[in-house]
Amino acid sequence: MSLIPPLEVIDANRIGIHDRENVIAEYNKISTFMFNVLKGRAGLKETSDVLDVGCGTGRVAMPLTRFLTTGSYTGIDIVKSSIDWCQEAFRDFPNFRFVHADLYSEYYNPEATLKAGDYEFPFDDDSFDLIWSSSLFTHMLIDDVDTYLSEMSRTIRRGGRIWNSYLLLDEISEPLVLGPRNDGRRMQYEVDGGRIGWKDKPEWVVGLRLDRIKALHQRHGFEITDLQLSDWSGGRPETPYKGQDFIVARKA
């Protein structure tokens, strides 16, 4: 069975495929990029036990099937159709598992009642060496991010690393999200810990203040080892990164 999901599963997960004429090529390109980031900047090893929070349709899992030896992969996501597809597609890989998180989301899982701020990861303490999320905290308010970083701290082993992407607000990026923009990243409304783009859809796009995120890492026992600020706001043209900001942190 192919590890590339069909278009209807991609659409259900709202994965950012822009070139629909070349879905497989773009899917593979993004998958390879994510793998290289994990290996090059987050300390991924063949022996790592990896947790992918917001795993979608397994874009990170796919290249890991050819890399992990004695390590393991666990993916968790709130879109049940994606988890169902992954469980079937990866059934021949016994060290890979996928878990449905039945959490409320207006866009992905509107029938659920449990909120992210009340969620506990369904894993034992000290279960993982590396925890990853991409485009997760860009759709979560600060209290929910606090909860997830706490759960990451609980489930990661000492010395393990977390890699998470953000839209971070500081003295350069924050002024640029207040004015007119045509990329969906205008954030004119103040909330605790940052800014949002729509009052009636607060999690559609969320920018979080860098100082608050740094404080949360410290609170939950993480030492930041790598901080990459990108040019998503248009204020850092010198950086080669045009996507989201990311933070790598080590459990002290």
C-alpha atoms as a PDB file:
ATOM      1  CA  MET A   1       0.000   0.000   0.000  1.00  0.00           C
ATOM      2  CA  SER A   2       1.290   3.461  -0.885  1.00  0.00           C
ATOM      3  CA  LEU A   3       2.238   5.764   1.969  1.00  0.00           C
ATOM      4  CA  ILE A   4       0.969   8.735  -0.073  1.00  0.00           C
ATOM      5  CA  PRO A   5      -2.643   9.376   0.961  1.00  0.00           C
ATOM      6  CA  PRO A   6      -5.433   9.900  -1.571  1.00  0.00           C
ATOM      7  CA  LEU A   7      -6.613  13.440  -2.261  1.00  0.00           C
ATOM      8  CA  GLU A   8      -9.774  13.089  -0.191  1.00  0.00           C
ATOM      9  CA  VAL A   9      -7.716  12.257   2.912  1.00  0.00           C
ATOM     10  CA  ILE A  10      -5.345  15.139   2.192  1.00  0.00           C
ATOM     11  CA  ASP A  11      -8.330  17.473   1.879  1.00  0.00           C
ATOM     12  CA  ALA A  12      -9.901  16.228   5.124  1.00  0.00           C
ATOM     13  CA  ASN A  13      -6.674  17.020   6.950  1.00  0.00           C
ATOM     14  CA  ARG A  14      -6.340  20.407   5.201  1.00  0.00           C
ATOM     15  CA  ILE A  15      -2.736  19.726   4.345  1.00  0.00           C
ATOM     16  CA  GLY A  16      -1.097  22.601   2.526  1.00  0.00           C
ATOM     17  CA  ILE A  17      -0.716  21.125  -0.951  1.00  0.00           C
ATOM     18  CA  HIS A  18      -0.467  24.041  -3.374  1.00  0.00           C
ATOM     19  CA  ASP A  19       0.395  22.257  -6.618  1.00  0.00           C
ATOM     20  CA  ARG A  20      -2.542  19.901  -7.041  1.00  0.00           C
ATOM     21  CA  GLU A  21      -1.279  18.758 -10.434  1.00  0.00           C
ATOM     22  CA  ASN A  22       1.806  17.329  -8.751  1.00  0.00           C
ATOM     23  CA  VAL A  23       0.513  16.232  -5.363  1.00  0.00           C
ATOM     24  CA  ILE A  24       2.849  13.272  -4.958  1.00  0.00           C
ATOM     25  CA  ALA A  25       5.951  15.286  -5.836  1.00  0.00           C
ATOM     26  CA  GLU A  26       5.049  18.075  -3.419  1.00  0.00           C
ATOM     27  CA  TYR A  27       4.069  15.642  -0.679  1.00  0.00           C
ATOM     28  CA  ASN A  28       7.419  13.869  -1.018  1.00  0.00           C
ATOM     29  CA  LYS A  29       9.288  17.179  -1.065  1.00  0.00           C
ATOM     30  CA  ILE A  30       7.701  18.372   2.186  1.00  0.00           C
ATOM     31  CA  SER A  31       8.183  14.961   3.787  1.00  0.00           C
ATOM     32  CA  THR A  32      11.881  14.955   2.915  1.00  0.00           C
ATOM     33  CA  PHE A  33      12.292  18.522   4.191  1.00  0.00           C
ATOM     34  CA  MET A  34      10.720  17.634   7.549  1.00  0.00           C
ATOM     35  CA  PHE A  35      12.921  14.561   7.890  1.00  0.00           C
ATOM     36  CA  ASN A  36      16.068  16.564   7.178  1.00  0.00           C
ATOM     37  CA  VAL A  37      15.076  19.173   9.757  1.00  0.00           C
ATOM     38  CA  LEU A  38      14.514  16.511  12.412  1.00  0.00           C
ATOM     39  CA  LYS A  39      17.797  14.795  11.641  1.00  0.00           C
ATOM     40  CA  GLY A  40      19.879  17.913  11.182  1.00  0.00           C
ATOM     41  CA  ARG A  41      18.521  20.206  13.887  1.00  0.00           C
ATOM     42  CA  ALA A  42      16.586  18.124  16.412  1.00  0.00           C
ATOM     43  CA  GLY A  43      18.931  15.218  17.028  1.00  0.00           C
ATOM     44  CA  LEU A  44      16.886  12.453  15.394  1.00  0.00           C
ATOM     45  CA  LYS A  45      18.675   9.081  15.561  1.00  0.00           C
ATOM     46  CA  GLU A  46      17.890   5.594  14.295  1.00  0.00           C
ATOM     47  CA  THR A  47      17.188   4.602  17.895  1.00  0.00           C
ATOM     48  CA  SER A  48      14.873   7.533  18.749  1.00  0.00           C
ATOM     49  CA  ASP A  49      11.358   7.034  20.060  1.00  0.00           C
ATOM     50  CA  VAL A  50       9.480   9.816  18.269  1.00  0.00           C
ATOM     51  CA  LEU A  51       6.128  11.451  19.027  1.00  0.00           C
ATOM     52  CA  ASP A  52       4.535  13.491  16.236  1.00  0.00           C
ATOM     53  CA  VAL A  53       1.807  15.745  17.678  1.00  0.00           C
ATOM     54  CA  GLY A  54      -0.563  16.644  14.869  1.00  0.00           C
ATOM     55  CA  CYS A  55       0.767  13.908  12.605  1.00  0.00           C
ATOM     56  CA  GLY A  56      -1.845  14.396   9.878  1.00  0.00           C
ATOM     57  CA  THR A  57      -1.473  11.757   7.192  1.00  0.00           C
ATOM     58  CA  GLY A  58       2.016  10.641   8.161  1.00  0.00           C
ATOM     59  CA  ARG A  59       4.272  12.973   6.222  1.00  0.00           C
ATOM     60  CA  VAL A  60       6.924  12.699   8.926  1.00  0.00           C
ATOM     61  CA  ALA A  61       6.287   8.994   9.436  1.00  0.00           C
ATOM     62  CA  MET A  62       6.901   8.092   5.790  1.00  0.00           C
ATOM     63  CA  PRO A  63      10.672   8.767   5.629  1.00  0.00           C
ATOM     64  CA  LEU A  64      11.125   7.376   9.146  1.00  0.00           C
ATOM     65  CA  THR A  65      10.061   3.927   7.930  1.00  0.00           C
ATOM     66  CA  ARG A  66      13.400   3.820   6.113  1.00  0.00           C
ATOM     67  CA  PHE A  67      15.409   5.328   8.982  1.00  0.00           C
ATOM     68  CA  LEU A  68      14.303   4.103  12.405  1.00  0.00           C
ATOM     69  CA  THR A  69      15.904   0.799  13.373  1.00  0.00           C
ATOM     70  CA  THR A  70      15.359   0.096  17.051  1.00  0.00           C
ATOM     71  CA  GLY A  71      13.456   3.356  17.477  1.00  0.00           C
ATOM     72  CA  SER A  72       9.718   3.895  17.171  1.00  0.00           C
ATOM     73  CA  TYR A  73       7.204   6.404  15.844  1.00  0.00           C
ATOM     74  CA  THR A  74       3.897   7.475  17.398  1.00  0.00           C
ATOM     75  CA  GLY A  75       1.585   9.875  15.599  1.00  0.00           C
ATOM     76  CA  ILE A  76      -1.404  11.586  17.181  1.00  0.00           C
ATOM     77  CA  ASP A  77      -4.044  13.699  15.455  1.00  0.00           C
ATOM     78  CA  ILE A  78      -7.624  14.916  15.909  1.00  0.00           C
ATOM     79  CA  VAL A  79      -8.763  14.029  12.369  1.00  0.00           C
ATOM     80  CA  LYS A  80     -10.026  10.468  12.641  1.00  0.00           C
ATOM     81  CA  SER A  81     -10.059   9.782   8.905  1.00  0.00           C
ATOM     82  CA  SER A  82      -6.344  10.581   8.770  1.00  0.00           C
ATOM     83  CA  ILE A  83      -5.571   8.293  11.706  1.00  0.00           C
ATOM     84  CA  ASP A  84      -7.696   5.512  10.211  1.00  0.00           C
ATOM     85  CA  TRP A  85      -5.840   5.827   6.915  1.00  0.00           C
ATOM     86  CA  CYS A  86      -2.424   5.831   8.608  1.00  0.00           C
ATOM     87  CA  GLN A  87      -3.236   2.781  10.708  1.00  0.00           C
ATOM     88  CA  GLU A  88      -3.996   0.876   7.532  1.00  0.00           C
ATOM     89  CA  ALA A  89      -1.179   2.311   5.397  1.00  0.00           C
ATOM     90  CA  PHE A  90       1.546   1.692   7.993  1.00  0.00           C
ATOM     91  CA  ARG A  91       0.256  -1.676   9.193  1.00  0.00           C
ATOM     92  CA  ASP A  92       3.423  -3.461   8.001  1.00  0.00           C
ATOM     93  CA  PHE A  93       5.620  -1.386  10.323  1.00  0.00           C
ATOM     94  CA  PRO A  94       5.240  -2.785  13.860  1.00  0.00           C
ATOM     95  CA  ASN A  95       7.193   0.059  15.472  1.00  0.00           C
ATOM     96  CA  PHE A  96       4.729   2.638  14.083  1.00  0.00           C
ATOM     97  CA  ARG A  97       1.414   3.484  15.750  1.00  0.00           C
ATOM     98  CA  PHE A  98      -1.241   6.150  15.268  1.00  0.00           C
ATOM     99  CA  VAL A  99      -3.625   7.456  17.928  1.00  0.00           C
ATOM    100  CA  HIS A 100      -6.795   9.486  17.505  1.00  0.00           C
ATOM    101  CA  ALA A 101      -7.097  12.443  19.896  1.00  0.00           C
ATOM    102  CA  ASP A 102     -10.822  13.096  20.093  1.00  0.00           C
ATOM    103  CA  LEU A 103     -10.492  16.831  20.791  1.00  0.00           C
ATOM    104  CA  TYR A 104     -12.792  19.660  19.807  1.00  0.00           C
ATOM    105  CA  SER A 105     -11.871  21.761  16.796  1.00  0.00           C
ATOM    106  CA  GLU A 106     -14.287  23.975  14.908  1.00  0.00           C
ATOM    107  CA  TYR A 107     -12.636  22.989  11.643  1.00  0.00           C
ATOM    108  CA  TYR A 108     -11.326  19.456  12.153  1.00  0.00           C
ATOM    109  CA  ASN A 109     -13.449  17.774  14.839  1.00  0.00           C
ATOM    110  CA  PRO A 110     -16.543  19.853  15.723  1.00  0.00           C
ATOM    111  CA  GLU A 111     -18.453  16.958  17.323  1.00  0.00           C
ATOM    112  CA  ALA A 112     -15.930  16.440  20.136  1.00  0.00           C
ATOM    113  CA  THR A 113     -16.345  18.077  23.542  1.00  0.00           C
ATOM    114  CA  LEU A 114     -12.914  17.724  25.186  1.00  0.00           C
ATOM    115  CA  LYS A 115     -10.784  20.862  24.799  1.00  0.00           C
ATOM    116  CA  ALA A 116      -7.037  20.988  24.225  1.00  0.00           C
ATOM    117  CA  GLY A 117      -6.456  22.738  27.555  1.00  0.00           C
ATOM    118  CA  ASP A 118      -7.863  19.702  29.389  1.00  0.00           C
ATOM    119  CA  TYR A 119      -6.071  17.051  27.342  1.00  0.00           C
ATOM    120  CA  GLU A 120      -3.518  14.618  28.706  1.00  0.00           C
ATOM    121  CA  PHE A 121      -1.355  12.763  26.231  1.00  0.00           C
ATOM    122  CA  PRO A 122      -2.282   9.044  26.424  1.00  0.00           C
ATOM    123  CA  PHE A 123       1.314   7.990  27.056  1.00  0.00           C
ATOM    124  CA  ASP A 124       3.402   7.124  30.093  1.00  0.00           C
ATOM    125  CA  ASP A 125       5.962   9.473  31.594  1.00  0.00           C
ATOM    126  CA  ASP A 126       9.399   9.411  29.949  1.00  0.00           C
ATOM    127  CA  SER A 127       8.204   7.640  26.800  1.00  0.00           C
ATOM    128  CA  PHE A 128       9.979   9.573  24.029  1.00  0.00           C
ATOM    129  CA  ASP A 129      13.369  10.913  22.960  1.00  0.00           C
ATOM    130  CA  LEU A 130      12.008  13.431  20.446  1.00  0.00           C
ATOM    131  CA  ILE A 131       8.652  15.214  20.229  1.00  0.00           C
ATOM    132  CA  TRP A 132       7.744  17.178  17.113  1.00  0.00           C
ATOM    133  CA  SER A 133       4.885  19.400  16.017  1.00  0.00           C
ATOM    134  CA  SER A 134       4.505  21.522  12.898  1.00  0.00           C
ATOM    135  CA  SER A 135       1.798  24.160  12.369  1.00  0.00           C
ATOM    136  CA  LEU A 136       0.185  23.150  15.658  1.00  0.00           C
ATOM    137  CA  PHE A 137       0.982  26.055  17.970  1.00  0.00           C
ATOM    138  CA  THR A 138       0.126  28.486  15.180  1.00  0.00           C
ATOM    139  CA  HIS A 139      -3.520  27.521  15.873  1.00  0.00           C
ATOM    140  CA  MET A 140      -3.492  27.361  19.674  1.00  0.00           C
ATOM    141  CA  LEU A 141      -3.945  30.022  22.344  1.00  0.00           C
ATOM    142  CA  ILE A 142      -1.364  30.459  25.078  1.00  0.00           C
ATOM    143  CA  ASP A 143      -3.137  28.429  27.800  1.00  0.00           C
ATOM    144  CA  ASP A 144      -3.440  25.436  25.478  1.00  0.00           C
ATOM    145  CA  VAL A 145       0.201  25.762  24.446  1.00  0.00           C
ATOM    146  CA  ASP A 146       1.056  25.769  28.153  1.00  0.00           C
ATOM    147  CA  THR A 147      -0.838  22.491  28.590  1.00  0.00           C
ATOM    148  CA  TYR A 148       0.837  20.851  25.600  1.00  0.00           C
ATOM    149  CA  LEU A 149       4.345  21.922  26.637  1.00  0.00           C
ATOM    150  CA  SER A 150       3.598  20.511  30.089  1.00  0.00           C
ATOM    151  CA  GLU A 151       2.551  17.203  28.541  1.00  0.00           C
ATOM    152  CA  MET A 152       5.608  17.205  26.305  1.00  0.00           C
ATOM    153  CA  SER A 153       7.745  17.711  29.394  1.00  0.00           C
ATOM    154  CA  ARG A 154       6.021  14.832  31.185  1.00  0.00           C
ATOM    155  CA  THR A 155       6.309  12.338  28.342  1.00  0.00           C
ATOM    156  CA  ILE A 156       9.817  13.130  27.102  1.00  0.00           C
ATOM    157  CA  ARG A 157      12.911  11.569  28.638  1.00  0.00           C
ATOM    158  CA  ARG A 158      15.598  13.598  30.327  1.00  0.00           C
ATOM    159  CA  GLY A 159      17.949  14.877  27.659  1.00  0.00           C
ATOM    160  CA  GLY A 160      15.292  14.473  24.967  1.00  0.00           C
ATOM    161  CA  ARG A 161      14.350  17.266  22.596  1.00  0.00           C
ATOM    162  CA  ILE A 162      11.189  18.939  21.389  1.00  0.00           C
ATOM    163  CA  TRP A 163      10.793  20.745  18.046  1.00  0.00           C
ATOM    164  CA  ASN A 164       7.779  23.027  17.588  1.00  0.00           C
ATOM    165  CA  SER A 165       6.926  25.696  15.035  1.00  0.00           C
ATOM    166  CA  TYR A 166       5.300  29.046  15.838  1.00  0.00           C
ATOM    167  CA  LEU A 167       4.439  32.456  14.499  1.00  0.00           C
ATOM    168  CA  LEU A 168       6.485  34.342  17.067  1.00  0.00           C
ATOM    169  CA  LEU A 169       5.866  37.998  17.842  1.00  0.00           C
ATOM    170  CA  ASP A 170       8.693  40.321  18.817  1.00  0.00           C
ATOM    171  CA  GLU A 171       9.730  43.923  18.169  1.00  0.00           C
ATOM    172  CA  ILE A 172      10.194  43.166  14.450  1.00  0.00           C
ATOM    173  CA  SER A 173       7.319  40.850  13.578  1.00  0.00           C
ATOM    174  CA  GLU A 174       4.515  42.201  15.781  1.00  0.00           C
ATOM    175  CA  PRO A 175       4.197  45.666  14.195  1.00  0.00           C
ATOM    176  CA  LEU A 176       4.007  44.024  10.760  1.00  0.00           C
ATOM    177  CA  VAL A 177       0.932  41.904  11.604  1.00  0.00           C
ATOM    178  CA  LEU A 178      -1.160  44.927  12.570  1.00  0.00           C
ATOM    179  CA  GLY A 179      -1.504  46.456   9.118  1.00  0.00           C
ATOM    180  CA  PRO A 180      -3.125  45.204   5.909  1.00  0.00           C
ATOM    181  CA  ARG A 181      -1.777  41.913   4.575  1.00  0.00           C
ATOM    182  CA  ASN A 182      -2.860  39.571   1.796  1.00  0.00           C
ATOM    183  CA  ASP A 183      -1.366  36.364   3.217  1.00  0.00           C
ATOM    184  CA  GLY A 184      -3.897  35.647   5.992  1.00  0.00           C
ATOM    185  CA  ARG A 185      -1.487  36.638   8.741  1.00  0.00           C
ATOM    186  CA  ARG A 186      -2.944  39.926   9.815  1.00  0.00           C
ATOM    187  CA  MET A 187      -3.422  39.732  13.599  1.00  0.00           C
ATOM    188  CA  GLN A 188      -5.206  42.859  14.730  1.00  0.00           C
ATOM    189  CA  TYR A 189      -6.780  41.463  17.908  1.00  0.00           C
ATOM    190  CA  GLU A 190      -4.961  41.254  21.231  1.00  0.00           C
ATOM    191  CA  VAL A 191      -5.261  38.101  23.337  1.00  0.00           C
ATOM    192  CA  ASP A 192      -3.361  36.825  26.330  1.00  0.00           C
ATOM    193  CA  GLY A 193       0.143  36.006  25.179  1.00  0.00           C
ATOM    194  CA  GLY A 194      -0.189  37.249  21.621  1.00  0.00           C
ATOM    195  CA  ARG A 195      -2.521  38.222  18.805  1.00  0.00           C
ATOM    196  CA  ILE A 196      -5.179  36.606  16.587  1.00  0.00           C
ATOM    197  CA  GLY A 197      -6.604  37.415  13.184  1.00  0.00           C
ATOM    198  CA  TRP A 198     -10.335  36.836  13.739  1.00  0.00           C
ATOM    199  CA  LYS A 199     -12.390  37.353  16.889  1.00  0.00           C
ATOM    200  CA  ASP A 200     -14.973  34.756  15.866  1.00  0.00           C
ATOM    201  CA  LYS A 201     -12.287  32.258  14.789  1.00  0.00           C
ATOM    202  CA  PRO A 202      -9.561  32.769  17.375  1.00  0.00           C
ATOM    203  CA  GLU A 203      -7.544  29.681  16.433  1.00  0.00           C
ATOM    204  CA  TRP A 204      -7.509  30.344  12.702  1.00  0.00           C
ATOM    205  CA  VAL A 205      -4.153  32.108  12.987  1.00  0.00           C
ATOM    206  CA  VAL A 206      -2.341  32.788  16.263  1.00  0.00           C
ATOM    207  CA  GLY A 207       0.839  34.730  16.873  1.00  0.00           C
ATOM    208  CA  LEU A 208       2.481  34.189  20.268  1.00  0.00           C
ATOM    209  CA  ARG A 209       4.940  36.519  21.949  1.00  0.00           C
ATOM    210  CA  LEU A 210       8.463  35.205  22.035  1.00  0.00           C
ATOM    211  CA  ASP A 211       9.088  36.206  25.643  1.00  0.00           C
ATOM    212  CA  ARG A 212       6.026  34.268  26.837  1.00  0.00           C
ATOM    213  CA  ILE A 213       7.038  31.164  24.895  1.00  0.00           C
ATOM    214  CA  LYS A 214      10.554  31.333  26.303  1.00  0.00           C
ATOM    215  CA  ALA A 215       9.108  31.609  29.817  1.00  0.00           C
ATOM    216  CA  LEU A 216       6.884  28.560  29.259  1.00  0.00           C
ATOM    217  CA  HIS A 217       9.863  26.497  28.138  1.00  0.00           C
ATOM    218  CA  GLN A 218      11.731  27.437  31.287  1.00  0.00           C
ATOM    219  CA  ARG A 219       8.679  26.723  33.434  1.00  0.00           C
ATOM    220  CA  HIS A 220       8.384  23.204  32.075  1.00  0.00           C
ATOM    221  CA  GLY A 221      12.056  22.322  32.408  1.00  0.00           C
ATOM    222  CA  PHE A 222      13.221  22.930  28.842  1.00  0.00           C
ATOM    223  CA  GLU A 223      16.463  24.589  27.784  1.00  0.00           C
ATOM    224  CA  ILE A 224      16.173  26.208  24.351  1.00  0.00           C
ATOM    225  CA  THR A 225      19.052  24.973  22.190  1.00  0.00           C
ATOM    226  CA  ASP A 226      18.008  26.285  18.765  1.00  0.00           C
ATOM    227  CA  LEU A 227      15.768  29.240  17.883  1.00  0.00           C
ATOM    228  CA  GLN A 228      15.143  30.030  14.211  1.00  0.00           C
ATOM    229  CA  LEU A 229      13.190  33.184  13.397  1.00  0.00           C
ATOM    230  CA  SER A 230      11.962  33.174   9.800  1.00  0.00           C
ATOM    231  CA  ASP A 231      10.677  35.827   7.426  1.00  0.00           C
ATOM    232  CA  TRP A 232       6.960  34.961   7.557  1.00  0.00           C
ATOM    233  CA  SER A 233       6.230  38.515   8.771  1.00  0.00           C
ATOM    234  CA  GLY A 234       8.284  40.198   6.037  1.00  0.00           C
ATOM    235  CA  GLY A 235      10.601  41.779   8.578  1.00  0.00           C
ATOM    236  CA  ARG A 236      13.577  39.449   8.284  1.00  0.00           C
ATOM    237  CA  PRO A 237      14.519  39.293   4.575  1.00  0.00           C
ATOM    238  CA  GLU A 238      18.071  38.240   5.472  1.00  0.00           C
ATOM    239  CA  THR A 239      17.018  34.830   6.766  1.00  0.00           C
ATOM    240  CA  PRO A 240      16.793  31.903   4.331  1.00  0.00           C
ATOM    241  CA  TYR A 241      13.684  30.616   6.137  1.00  0.00           C
ATOM    242  CA  LYS A 242      10.380  31.894   4.794  1.00  0.00           C
ATOM    243  CA  GLY A 243       8.013  29.580   6.662  1.00  0.00           C
ATOM    244  CA  GLN A 244       7.282  29.470  10.373  1.00  0.00           C
ATOM    245  CA  ASP A 245       9.645  30.116  13.259  1.00  0.00           C
ATOM    246  CA  PHE A 246      10.786  27.106  15.245  1.00  0.00           C
ATOM    247  CA  ILE A 247      12.238  26.286  18.629  1.00  0.00           C
ATOM    248  CA  VAL A 248      14.248  23.234  19.607  1.00  0.00           C
ATOM    249  CA  ALA A 249      14.540  22.637  23.330  1.00  0.00           C
ATOM    250  CA  ARG A 250      16.193  20.016  25.519  1.00  0.00           C
ATOM    251  CA  LYS A 251      14.667  18.521  28.665  1.00  0.00           C
ATOM    252  CA  ALA A 252      17.113  19.551  31.354  1.00  0.00           C
END
